[in-house]
Amino acid sequence: QVQLVESGGGLVQAGGSLRLSCTASESSFSINVMGWYRQAPGKQRDLVAHIASDGTTNYADSVKGRFTISRNNAKNTVYLEMNSLKPEDTAVYYCHAQGTGPRNDEDIRQGRTRYLEVWGQGTLVTVSS
C-alpha cells in the first residue's frame, strides 16, 4: 500500500525558513500531481501548493512569493521550501499525491494499477511571533 512519508516540520520564529519533504513509499506509484495542504486549529484543510509531473505549479495567494514547491520525479519526492514564515502559517501540513499504481499486494500480484489518491500523516509547523 502506498504511503507518503513527510519530514521537516518544527518550530521556527517569524521570518524564518523551513523545508518540508514528502516521499512516496512505492516506486511503482506513478504520480501525476503532488502537493501540500495545511490545516490550522478549527479551520478547514486548504491547498498550499501543488506541482504536476510536467513541473506546472499552483500556489495559494497567501504563500505566493514566500513558498516554493518542487519535486524529484525519479525519487517520487516533493519539497516545500517555506521562507519569510508568519505566525498565520502555523498549521499541520499534509502531503497529497494523485496518480496510478497498485493499491495492495493483490494488485501487485495481478499486475493491476488503479487511480490512487494518498495523504500523508501530517507534520506540524509552528511559527512563533
N, C-alpha and C. Protein backbone atom coordinates (compact mmCIF):
# COMPACT_ATOMS: atom_id res chain seq x y z
N GLN A 1 0.85 -1.19 0.00
CA GLN A 1 0.00 0.00 0.00
C GLN A 1 0.89 1.24 0.00
N VAL A 2 0.59 2.17 -0.87
CA VAL A 2 1.41 3.36 -1.00
C VAL A 2 1.21 4.25 0.22
N GLN A 3 2.31 4.72 0.74
CA GLN A 3 2.27 5.68 1.84
C GLN A 3 3.13 6.89 1.49
N LEU A 4 2.76 8.03 2.06
CA LEU A 4 3.56 9.25 1.90
C LEU A 4 4.23 9.54 3.23
N VAL A 5 5.54 9.66 3.21
CA VAL A 5 6.32 9.89 4.42
C VAL A 5 6.83 11.32 4.40
N GLU A 6 6.40 12.10 5.40
CA GLU A 6 6.74 13.52 5.46
C GLU A 6 7.83 13.76 6.50
N SER A 7 8.56 14.83 6.29
CA SER A 7 9.55 15.26 7.28
C SER A 7 9.80 16.75 7.12
N GLY A 8 10.37 17.36 8.16
CA GLY A 8 10.82 18.74 8.06
C GLY A 8 10.03 19.76 8.86
N GLY A 9 8.95 19.36 9.49
CA GLY A 9 8.21 20.32 10.29
C GLY A 9 8.96 20.70 11.56
N GLY A 10 8.43 21.67 12.27
CA GLY A 10 9.06 22.08 13.52
C GLY A 10 8.66 23.47 13.95
N LEU A 11 9.43 24.00 14.90
CA LEU A 11 9.18 25.32 15.46
C LEU A 11 10.20 26.30 14.90
N VAL A 12 9.70 27.45 14.45
CA VAL A 12 10.59 28.47 13.89
C VAL A 12 10.04 29.83 14.25
N GLN A 13 10.92 30.81 14.35
CA GLN A 13 10.49 32.18 14.62
C GLN A 13 9.98 32.84 13.36
N ALA A 14 9.13 33.82 13.54
CA ALA A 14 8.62 34.58 12.38
C ALA A 14 9.79 35.15 11.58
N GLY A 15 9.66 35.04 10.25
CA GLY A 15 10.73 35.46 9.37
C GLY A 15 11.70 34.36 9.01
N GLY A 16 11.60 33.24 9.69
CA GLY A 16 12.50 32.12 9.45
C GLY A 16 12.05 31.25 8.29
N SER A 17 12.77 30.14 8.13
CA SER A 17 12.53 29.23 6.99
C SER A 17 12.46 27.79 7.47
N LEU A 18 11.72 27.01 6.72
CA LEU A 18 11.67 25.56 6.92
C LEU A 18 11.53 24.89 5.56
N ARG A 19 11.96 23.64 5.48
CA ARG A 19 11.81 22.87 4.25
C ARG A 19 11.13 21.56 4.59
N LEU A 20 10.00 21.31 3.94
CA LEU A 20 9.27 20.06 4.11
C LEU A 20 9.59 19.13 2.95
N SER A 21 9.64 17.83 3.27
CA SER A 21 9.85 16.81 2.23
C SER A 21 8.78 15.75 2.37
N CYS A 22 8.46 15.13 1.26
CA CYS A 22 7.45 14.05 1.26
C CYS A 22 7.84 13.06 0.16
N THR A 23 7.94 11.78 0.55
CA THR A 23 8.33 10.74 -0.40
C THR A 23 7.30 9.62 -0.40
N ALA A 24 6.93 9.19 -1.59
CA ALA A 24 6.02 8.04 -1.73
C ALA A 24 6.81 6.75 -1.50
N SER A 25 6.20 5.82 -0.76
CA SER A 25 6.91 4.62 -0.36
C SER A 25 7.08 3.61 -1.47
N GLU A 26 6.25 3.69 -2.51
CA GLU A 26 6.28 2.72 -3.58
C GLU A 26 6.77 3.38 -4.87
N SER A 27 7.84 2.83 -5.43
CA SER A 27 8.36 3.39 -6.67
C SER A 27 7.44 3.12 -7.85
N SER A 28 6.52 2.12 -7.69
CA SER A 28 5.60 1.80 -8.77
C SER A 28 4.43 2.77 -8.86
N PHE A 29 4.33 3.68 -7.91
CA PHE A 29 3.28 4.69 -7.89
C PHE A 29 3.66 5.79 -8.88
N SER A 30 2.89 5.88 -9.97
CA SER A 30 3.14 6.90 -10.97
C SER A 30 2.32 8.13 -10.61
N ILE A 31 3.01 9.16 -10.16
CA ILE A 31 2.32 10.31 -9.58
C ILE A 31 2.13 11.41 -10.62
N ASN A 32 0.89 11.87 -10.76
CA ASN A 32 0.60 12.99 -11.65
C ASN A 32 0.80 14.32 -10.93
N VAL A 33 0.15 14.45 -9.79
CA VAL A 33 0.19 15.71 -9.05
C VAL A 33 0.58 15.41 -7.60
N MET A 34 1.52 16.19 -7.09
CA MET A 34 1.88 16.14 -5.67
C MET A 34 1.71 17.54 -5.10
N GLY A 35 1.34 17.58 -3.83
CA GLY A 35 1.15 18.90 -3.26
C GLY A 35 1.11 18.89 -1.76
N TRP A 36 0.91 20.08 -1.22
CA TRP A 36 0.82 20.29 0.21
C TRP A 36 -0.46 21.05 0.54
N TYR A 37 -1.12 20.57 1.58
CA TYR A 37 -2.28 21.24 2.15
C TYR A 37 -1.93 21.55 3.60
N ARG A 38 -2.68 22.45 4.21
CA ARG A 38 -2.48 22.72 5.63
C ARG A 38 -3.81 22.95 6.32
N GLN A 39 -3.78 22.64 7.61
CA GLN A 39 -4.99 22.78 8.41
C GLN A 39 -4.61 23.39 9.75
N ALA A 40 -5.10 24.59 9.99
CA ALA A 40 -4.89 25.25 11.29
C ALA A 40 -6.01 24.82 12.23
N PRO A 41 -5.78 24.93 13.54
CA PRO A 41 -6.81 24.52 14.52
C PRO A 41 -8.14 25.22 14.26
N GLY A 42 -9.21 24.43 14.18
CA GLY A 42 -10.53 24.98 14.00
C GLY A 42 -10.85 25.43 12.59
N LYS A 43 -9.95 25.15 11.64
CA LYS A 43 -10.17 25.59 10.27
C LYS A 43 -10.16 24.39 9.33
N GLN A 44 -10.61 24.61 8.10
CA GLN A 44 -10.63 23.54 7.12
C GLN A 44 -9.24 23.35 6.52
N ARG A 45 -9.05 22.22 5.87
CA ARG A 45 -7.79 21.94 5.20
C ARG A 45 -7.78 22.65 3.85
N ASP A 46 -6.75 23.43 3.62
CA ASP A 46 -6.67 24.23 2.40
C ASP A 46 -5.41 23.90 1.60
N LEU A 47 -5.49 24.08 0.30
CA LEU A 47 -4.33 23.89 -0.55
C LEU A 47 -3.29 24.96 -0.28
N VAL A 48 -2.03 24.53 -0.17
CA VAL A 48 -0.90 25.46 -0.09
C VAL A 48 -0.26 25.59 -1.48
N ALA A 49 0.10 24.46 -2.06
CA ALA A 49 0.71 24.46 -3.39
C ALA A 49 0.67 23.05 -3.94
N HIS A 50 0.63 22.94 -5.28
CA HIS A 50 0.80 21.63 -5.87
C HIS A 50 1.60 21.76 -7.17
N ILE A 51 2.15 20.63 -7.59
CA ILE A 51 3.01 20.62 -8.76
C ILE A 51 2.71 19.36 -9.57
N ALA A 52 2.52 19.55 -10.86
CA ALA A 52 2.24 18.44 -11.76
C ALA A 52 3.55 17.79 -12.21
N SER A 53 3.40 16.65 -12.87
CA SER A 53 4.58 15.91 -13.31
C SER A 53 5.39 16.69 -14.34
N ASP A 54 4.74 17.64 -15.05
CA ASP A 54 5.47 18.43 -16.04
C ASP A 54 6.07 19.69 -15.43
N GLY A 55 5.92 19.85 -14.11
CA GLY A 55 6.51 20.99 -13.41
C GLY A 55 5.58 22.18 -13.23
N THR A 56 4.38 22.10 -13.77
CA THR A 56 3.42 23.18 -13.59
C THR A 56 3.05 23.31 -12.11
N THR A 57 3.08 24.53 -11.60
CA THR A 57 2.81 24.76 -10.18
C THR A 57 1.60 25.66 -9.98
N ASN A 58 1.04 25.54 -8.78
CA ASN A 58 -0.08 26.38 -8.38
C ASN A 58 0.07 26.67 -6.90
N TYR A 59 -0.10 27.94 -6.51
CA TYR A 59 0.07 28.34 -5.12
C TYR A 59 -1.16 29.06 -4.59
N ALA A 60 -1.41 28.91 -3.31
CA ALA A 60 -2.39 29.75 -2.64
C ALA A 60 -1.86 31.18 -2.63
N ASP A 61 -2.77 32.14 -2.74
CA ASP A 61 -2.36 33.55 -2.77
C ASP A 61 -1.56 33.92 -1.53
N SER A 62 -1.90 33.33 -0.40
CA SER A 62 -1.28 33.70 0.87
C SER A 62 0.19 33.30 0.97
N VAL A 63 0.65 32.41 0.08
CA VAL A 63 2.05 31.95 0.16
C VAL A 63 2.87 32.32 -1.07
N LYS A 64 2.23 32.91 -2.06
CA LYS A 64 2.96 33.29 -3.28
C LYS A 64 4.12 34.24 -2.94
N GLY A 65 5.27 33.94 -3.53
CA GLY A 65 6.45 34.76 -3.28
C GLY A 65 7.23 34.36 -2.05
N ARG A 66 6.66 33.52 -1.20
CA ARG A 66 7.35 33.08 0.02
C ARG A 66 7.67 31.59 0.00
N PHE A 67 6.76 30.79 -0.57
CA PHE A 67 6.93 29.34 -0.60
C PHE A 67 7.26 28.90 -2.02
N THR A 68 8.06 27.84 -2.12
CA THR A 68 8.40 27.26 -3.41
C THR A 68 8.24 25.75 -3.34
N ILE A 69 7.46 25.21 -4.27
CA ILE A 69 7.28 23.77 -4.34
C ILE A 69 8.12 23.22 -5.48
N SER A 70 8.71 22.05 -5.26
CA SER A 70 9.49 21.40 -6.30
C SER A 70 9.36 19.89 -6.11
N ARG A 71 9.80 19.14 -7.11
CA ARG A 71 9.69 17.69 -6.99
C ARG A 71 10.82 17.02 -7.74
N ASN A 72 11.12 15.81 -7.29
CA ASN A 72 12.08 14.94 -7.96
C ASN A 72 11.29 13.72 -8.41
N ASN A 73 10.97 13.67 -9.70
CA ASN A 73 10.11 12.59 -10.20
C ASN A 73 10.77 11.22 -10.04
N ALA A 74 12.08 11.17 -10.21
CA ALA A 74 12.78 9.89 -10.10
C ALA A 74 12.69 9.32 -8.69
N LYS A 75 12.57 10.20 -7.70
CA LYS A 75 12.50 9.76 -6.30
C LYS A 75 11.09 9.82 -5.75
N ASN A 76 10.11 10.21 -6.58
CA ASN A 76 8.72 10.35 -6.11
C ASN A 76 8.66 11.20 -4.84
N THR A 77 9.39 12.32 -4.89
CA THR A 77 9.51 13.18 -3.73
C THR A 77 9.11 14.61 -4.09
N VAL A 78 8.40 15.25 -3.16
CA VAL A 78 8.03 16.65 -3.32
C VAL A 78 8.58 17.44 -2.14
N TYR A 79 8.99 18.67 -2.41
CA TYR A 79 9.56 19.54 -1.38
C TYR A 79 8.74 20.82 -1.31
N LEU A 80 8.73 21.41 -0.12
CA LEU A 80 8.13 22.73 0.05
C LEU A 80 9.11 23.58 0.83
N GLU A 81 9.69 24.55 0.14
CA GLU A 81 10.60 25.50 0.77
C GLU A 81 9.77 26.68 1.24
N MET A 82 9.80 26.93 2.56
CA MET A 82 8.98 27.98 3.16
C MET A 82 9.88 29.06 3.73
N ASN A 83 9.79 30.24 3.21
CA ASN A 83 10.59 31.38 3.66
C ASN A 83 9.68 32.48 4.19
N SER A 84 10.28 33.40 4.92
CA SER A 84 9.53 34.54 5.49
C SER A 84 8.27 34.07 6.20
N LEU A 85 8.43 33.07 7.03
CA LEU A 85 7.28 32.46 7.69
C LEU A 85 6.62 33.44 8.65
N LYS A 86 5.29 33.31 8.72
CA LYS A 86 4.47 34.17 9.56
C LYS A 86 3.72 33.31 10.57
N PRO A 87 3.32 33.90 11.71
CA PRO A 87 2.54 33.11 12.69
C PRO A 87 1.29 32.49 12.06
N GLU A 88 0.70 33.15 11.09
CA GLU A 88 -0.51 32.60 10.46
C GLU A 88 -0.22 31.40 9.56
N ASP A 89 1.05 31.07 9.35
CA ASP A 89 1.41 29.85 8.62
C ASP A 89 1.39 28.63 9.54
N THR A 90 1.20 28.85 10.82
CA THR A 90 1.15 27.74 11.77
C THR A 90 -0.01 26.81 11.44
N ALA A 91 0.29 25.53 11.26
CA ALA A 91 -0.72 24.54 10.89
C ALA A 91 -0.07 23.17 10.81
N VAL A 92 -0.91 22.16 10.67
CA VAL A 92 -0.42 20.84 10.29
C VAL A 92 -0.40 20.80 8.76
N TYR A 93 0.73 20.44 8.21
CA TYR A 93 0.91 20.39 6.76
C TYR A 93 0.82 18.94 6.30
N TYR A 94 -0.03 18.72 5.31
CA TYR A 94 -0.27 17.37 4.79
C TYR A 94 0.21 17.28 3.35
N CYS A 95 0.95 16.22 3.09
CA CYS A 95 1.36 15.91 1.72
C CYS A 95 0.21 15.17 1.03
N HIS A 96 0.06 15.38 -0.26
CA HIS A 96 -1.02 14.77 -1.02
C HIS A 96 -0.49 14.37 -2.40
N ALA A 97 -0.93 13.22 -2.88
CA ALA A 97 -0.50 12.77 -4.20
C ALA A 97 -1.63 12.08 -4.94
N GLN A 98 -1.70 12.32 -6.23
CA GLN A 98 -2.67 11.66 -7.10
C GLN A 98 -1.91 10.99 -8.24
N GLY A 99 -2.33 9.77 -8.56
CA GLY A 99 -1.68 9.09 -9.68
C GLY A 99 -2.23 7.70 -9.84
N THR A 100 -1.43 6.82 -10.41
CA THR A 100 -1.86 5.43 -10.61
C THR A 100 -0.80 4.49 -10.06
N GLY A 101 -1.27 3.37 -9.55
CA GLY A 101 -0.36 2.38 -9.01
C GLY A 101 -1.13 1.24 -8.38
N PRO A 102 -0.43 0.26 -7.83
CA PRO A 102 -1.10 -0.85 -7.15
C PRO A 102 -1.63 -0.40 -5.80
N ARG A 103 -2.88 -0.75 -5.49
CA ARG A 103 -3.47 -0.35 -4.22
C ARG A 103 -3.04 -1.28 -3.10
N ASN A 104 -2.78 -2.55 -3.42
CA ASN A 104 -2.45 -3.51 -2.37
C ASN A 104 -1.61 -4.64 -2.95
N ASP A 105 -1.29 -5.64 -2.11
CA ASP A 105 -0.43 -6.74 -2.56
C ASP A 105 -1.08 -7.54 -3.67
N GLU A 106 -2.43 -7.67 -3.61
CA GLU A 106 -3.13 -8.42 -4.65
C GLU A 106 -2.97 -7.74 -6.00
N ASP A 107 -3.07 -6.41 -5.99
CA ASP A 107 -2.87 -5.67 -7.23
C ASP A 107 -1.46 -5.92 -7.77
N ILE A 108 -0.49 -5.94 -6.85
CA ILE A 108 0.89 -6.18 -7.28
C ILE A 108 1.01 -7.56 -7.92
N ARG A 109 0.40 -8.57 -7.28
CA ARG A 109 0.48 -9.92 -7.82
C ARG A 109 -0.20 -10.02 -9.18
N GLN A 110 -1.30 -9.29 -9.34
CA GLN A 110 -2.07 -9.34 -10.58
C GLN A 110 -1.56 -8.36 -11.63
N GLY A 111 -0.61 -7.53 -11.25
CA GLY A 111 -0.09 -6.54 -12.20
C GLY A 111 -1.09 -5.44 -12.52
N ARG A 112 -1.98 -5.14 -11.57
CA ARG A 112 -3.02 -4.13 -11.77
C ARG A 112 -2.56 -2.78 -11.25
N THR A 113 -3.02 -1.73 -11.92
CA THR A 113 -2.85 -0.37 -11.41
C THR A 113 -4.21 0.29 -11.33
N ARG A 114 -4.35 1.20 -10.38
CA ARG A 114 -5.62 1.90 -10.15
C ARG A 114 -5.33 3.38 -9.95
N TYR A 115 -6.38 4.19 -10.07
CA TYR A 115 -6.25 5.59 -9.68
C TYR A 115 -6.11 5.63 -8.15
N LEU A 116 -5.11 6.34 -7.67
CA LEU A 116 -4.87 6.46 -6.24
C LEU A 116 -4.82 7.92 -5.82
N GLU A 117 -5.35 8.18 -4.65
CA GLU A 117 -5.23 9.49 -4.01
C GLU A 117 -4.78 9.22 -2.58
N VAL A 118 -3.61 9.71 -2.23
CA VAL A 118 -2.98 9.35 -0.97
C VAL A 118 -2.64 10.61 -0.17
N TRP A 119 -2.81 10.51 1.15
CA TRP A 119 -2.46 11.60 2.06
C TRP A 119 -1.35 11.16 3.01
N GLY A 120 -0.49 12.08 3.36
CA GLY A 120 0.49 11.82 4.41
C GLY A 120 -0.15 11.97 5.77
N GLN A 121 0.64 11.67 6.82
CA GLN A 121 0.11 11.70 8.18
C GLN A 121 0.09 13.11 8.76
N GLY A 122 0.78 14.03 8.12
CA GLY A 122 0.81 15.41 8.59
C GLY A 122 2.05 15.72 9.40
N THR A 123 2.55 16.93 9.24
CA THR A 123 3.70 17.39 10.02
C THR A 123 3.39 18.80 10.51
N LEU A 124 3.66 19.04 11.78
CA LEU A 124 3.29 20.30 12.41
C LEU A 124 4.35 21.37 12.15
N VAL A 125 3.89 22.52 11.70
CA VAL A 125 4.75 23.70 11.55
C VAL A 125 4.20 24.77 12.49
N THR A 126 5.06 25.23 13.38
CA THR A 126 4.68 26.27 14.34
C THR A 126 5.59 27.47 14.15
N VAL A 127 4.98 28.63 13.91
CA VAL A 127 5.75 29.86 13.72
C VAL A 127 5.43 30.79 14.89
N SER A 128 6.45 31.10 15.66
CA SER A 128 6.26 31.96 16.83
C SER A 128 6.50 33.43 16.45
N SER A 129 5.77 34.29 17.13
CA SER A 129 5.90 35.73 16.82
C SER A 129 7.00 36.39 17.63
